[in-house]
């Protein structure tokens, strides 16, 4: 019994970190998917969509741009880098209108030190997930 307790005490912190990292990746995939869905709707309907990104969810207007708001894990926190406001606009061509610069969405989780990023290419409407190194968004993840 003592051996099982010791092994559990050693393995539990790494399991918590593992699950937190998986939740963070899942939230990154959900945000990327939501932005791609907004792009598809904007192109299909020929209209611009306004996207609002808070620290814990993503919403779009007008109605129909995003079927439902994307709610993230309670421990996930989003941070916008080089955004002039709390969101962005997706044009009828699927391109982003943010305000220029290297636009990133950073993903933090309270139970892991790993950080992820989503780079948004303003003129082309491209999305690239990566690992945040503290100063750059690398393409590997």
Protein backbone atom coordinates (compact mmCIF):
# COMPACT_ATOMS: atom_id res chain seq x y z
CA UNK A 1 0.00 0.00 0.00
CA UNK A 2 2.83 2.39 0.82
CA UNK A 3 4.46 1.76 -2.56
CA UNK A 4 1.22 2.59 -4.39
CA UNK A 5 0.89 5.83 -2.39
CA UNK A 6 4.44 6.86 -3.24
CA UNK A 7 3.96 6.11 -6.94
CA UNK A 8 0.69 8.06 -6.95
CA UNK A 9 2.38 11.01 -5.26
CA UNK A 10 5.11 11.02 -7.89
CA UNK A 11 2.84 10.50 -10.92
CA UNK A 12 -0.10 12.74 -10.02
CA UNK A 13 1.58 16.12 -10.69
CA UNK A 14 2.77 15.00 -14.12
CA UNK A 15 -0.71 13.67 -14.95
CA UNK A 16 -2.28 17.01 -13.97
CA UNK A 17 0.20 18.81 -16.23
CA UNK A 18 -0.48 16.35 -19.05
CA UNK A 19 -4.25 16.85 -18.89
CA UNK A 20 -3.87 20.63 -18.62
CA UNK A 21 -1.66 20.60 -21.72
CA UNK A 22 -4.25 18.50 -23.58
CA UNK A 23 -7.02 20.95 -22.57
CA UNK A 24 -4.90 23.83 -23.83
CA UNK A 25 -4.33 22.11 -27.20
CA UNK A 26 -8.04 21.33 -27.42
CA UNK A 27 -8.90 24.99 -26.83
CA UNK A 28 -6.40 26.07 -29.50
CA UNK A 29 -8.02 23.69 -32.00
CA UNK A 30 -11.49 24.97 -31.03
CA UNK A 31 -10.49 28.63 -31.54
CA UNK A 32 -8.81 27.87 -34.86
CA UNK A 33 -11.87 25.91 -35.99
CA UNK A 34 -14.22 28.72 -34.95
CA UNK A 35 -12.21 31.31 -36.90
CA UNK A 36 -12.17 29.04 -39.96
CA UNK A 37 -15.95 28.53 -39.67
CA UNK A 38 -16.43 32.31 -39.50
CA UNK A 39 -14.29 32.66 -42.63
CA UNK A 40 -16.40 30.04 -44.46
CA UNK A 41 -19.67 31.72 -43.48
CA UNK A 42 -18.38 35.18 -44.46
CA UNK A 43 -17.35 33.91 -47.90
CA UNK A 44 -20.50 31.85 -48.44
CA UNK A 45 -22.90 34.65 -47.43
CA UNK A 46 -20.80 37.47 -48.90
CA UNK A 47 -20.81 39.47 -45.67
CA UNK A 48 -18.35 40.72 -43.10
CA UNK A 49 -18.34 39.21 -39.60
CA UNK A 50 -17.18 40.95 -36.45
CA UNK A 51 -15.38 38.59 -34.05
CA UNK A 52 -15.08 39.38 -30.35
CA UNK A 53 -12.42 37.50 -28.39
CA UNK A 54 -12.42 37.64 -24.61
CA UNK A 55 -10.12 35.80 -22.23
CA UNK A 56 -12.48 32.79 -22.12
CA UNK A 57 -14.69 32.76 -25.24
CA UNK A 58 -15.21 33.79 -28.87
CA UNK A 59 -18.40 35.29 -30.31
CA UNK A 60 -19.29 36.63 -33.75
CA UNK A 61 -21.90 38.96 -35.15
CA UNK A 62 -24.17 39.37 -37.03
CA UNK A 63 -26.13 36.26 -36.14
CA UNK A 64 -25.18 33.31 -38.29
CA UNK A 65 -21.45 34.04 -38.51
CA UNK A 66 -20.77 31.46 -35.80
CA UNK A 67 -23.46 28.91 -34.91
CA UNK A 68 -22.63 29.12 -31.19
CA UNK A 69 -20.10 30.88 -29.00
CA UNK A 70 -16.92 28.95 -28.28
CA UNK A 71 -16.48 28.48 -24.54
CA UNK A 72 -13.03 27.51 -23.36
CA UNK A 73 -11.80 25.59 -20.33
CA UNK A 74 -12.11 27.64 -17.15
CA UNK A 75 -8.34 27.48 -16.63
CA UNK A 76 -7.48 28.60 -20.18
CA UNK A 77 -6.76 32.27 -20.70
CA UNK A 78 -6.48 33.96 -24.11
CA UNK A 79 -4.26 36.96 -24.68
CA UNK A 80 -4.38 39.09 -27.84
CA UNK A 81 -1.02 40.42 -29.10
CA UNK A 82 -0.93 43.40 -31.51
CA UNK A 83 -4.72 43.71 -31.66
CA UNK A 84 -6.02 47.29 -31.43
CA UNK A 85 -9.25 46.11 -29.78
CA UNK A 86 -10.97 43.04 -28.37
CA UNK A 87 -11.37 41.30 -31.70
CA UNK A 88 -11.16 41.44 -35.45
CA UNK A 89 -13.25 41.61 -38.59
CA UNK A 90 -13.46 38.88 -41.23
CA UNK A 91 -14.25 40.28 -44.68
CA UNK A 92 -16.56 38.74 -47.25
CA UNK A 93 -13.37 37.36 -48.88
CA UNK A 94 -12.34 35.55 -45.68
CA UNK A 95 -9.44 37.87 -44.93
CA UNK A 96 -8.76 39.36 -41.51
CA UNK A 97 -8.87 43.08 -40.72
CA UNK A 98 -7.07 43.56 -37.44
CA UNK A 99 -4.80 46.57 -37.58
CA UNK A 100 -1.49 45.33 -38.97
CA UNK A 101 1.57 43.77 -37.41
CA UNK A 102 2.17 40.25 -36.19
CA UNK A 103 -1.20 39.34 -34.77
CA UNK A 104 -1.16 36.49 -32.26
CA UNK A 105 -3.58 34.84 -29.89
CA UNK A 106 -1.69 33.36 -26.93
CA UNK A 107 -3.08 30.44 -24.95
CA UNK A 108 -2.15 30.11 -21.25
CA UNK A 109 -3.34 27.51 -18.74
CA UNK A 110 -3.13 27.90 -14.97
CA UNK A 111 -1.92 24.31 -14.42
CA UNK A 112 0.89 24.09 -16.97
CA UNK A 113 3.82 26.25 -18.03
CA UNK A 114 3.38 25.30 -21.72
CA UNK A 115 2.00 28.12 -23.86
CA UNK A 116 0.60 27.92 -27.36
CA UNK A 117 -0.08 30.58 -29.97
CA UNK A 118 -2.19 31.10 -33.05
CA UNK A 119 -0.69 33.42 -35.65
CA UNK A 120 -3.15 35.27 -37.91
CA UNK A 121 -2.03 36.49 -41.32
CA UNK A 122 -4.02 39.64 -41.96
CA UNK A 123 -3.79 40.02 -45.74
CA UNK A 124 -4.30 36.33 -46.57
CA UNK A 125 -6.57 35.11 -43.80
CA UNK A 126 -4.22 32.27 -42.85
CA UNK A 127 -4.06 30.70 -39.38
CA UNK A 128 -0.94 28.97 -38.03
CA UNK A 129 -0.81 27.24 -34.64
CA UNK A 130 2.46 26.97 -32.79
CA UNK A 131 4.32 26.92 -29.49
CA UNK A 132 4.96 30.26 -27.78
CA UNK A 133 8.61 30.59 -26.73
CA UNK A 134 8.14 33.87 -24.89
CA UNK A 135 9.13 35.98 -27.88
CA UNK A 136 8.08 34.06 -31.01
CA UNK A 137 5.46 31.65 -32.27
CA UNK A 138 7.25 28.57 -33.63
CA UNK A 139 5.55 26.37 -36.19
CA UNK A 140 6.06 23.12 -34.28
CA UNK A 141 3.55 21.97 -31.73
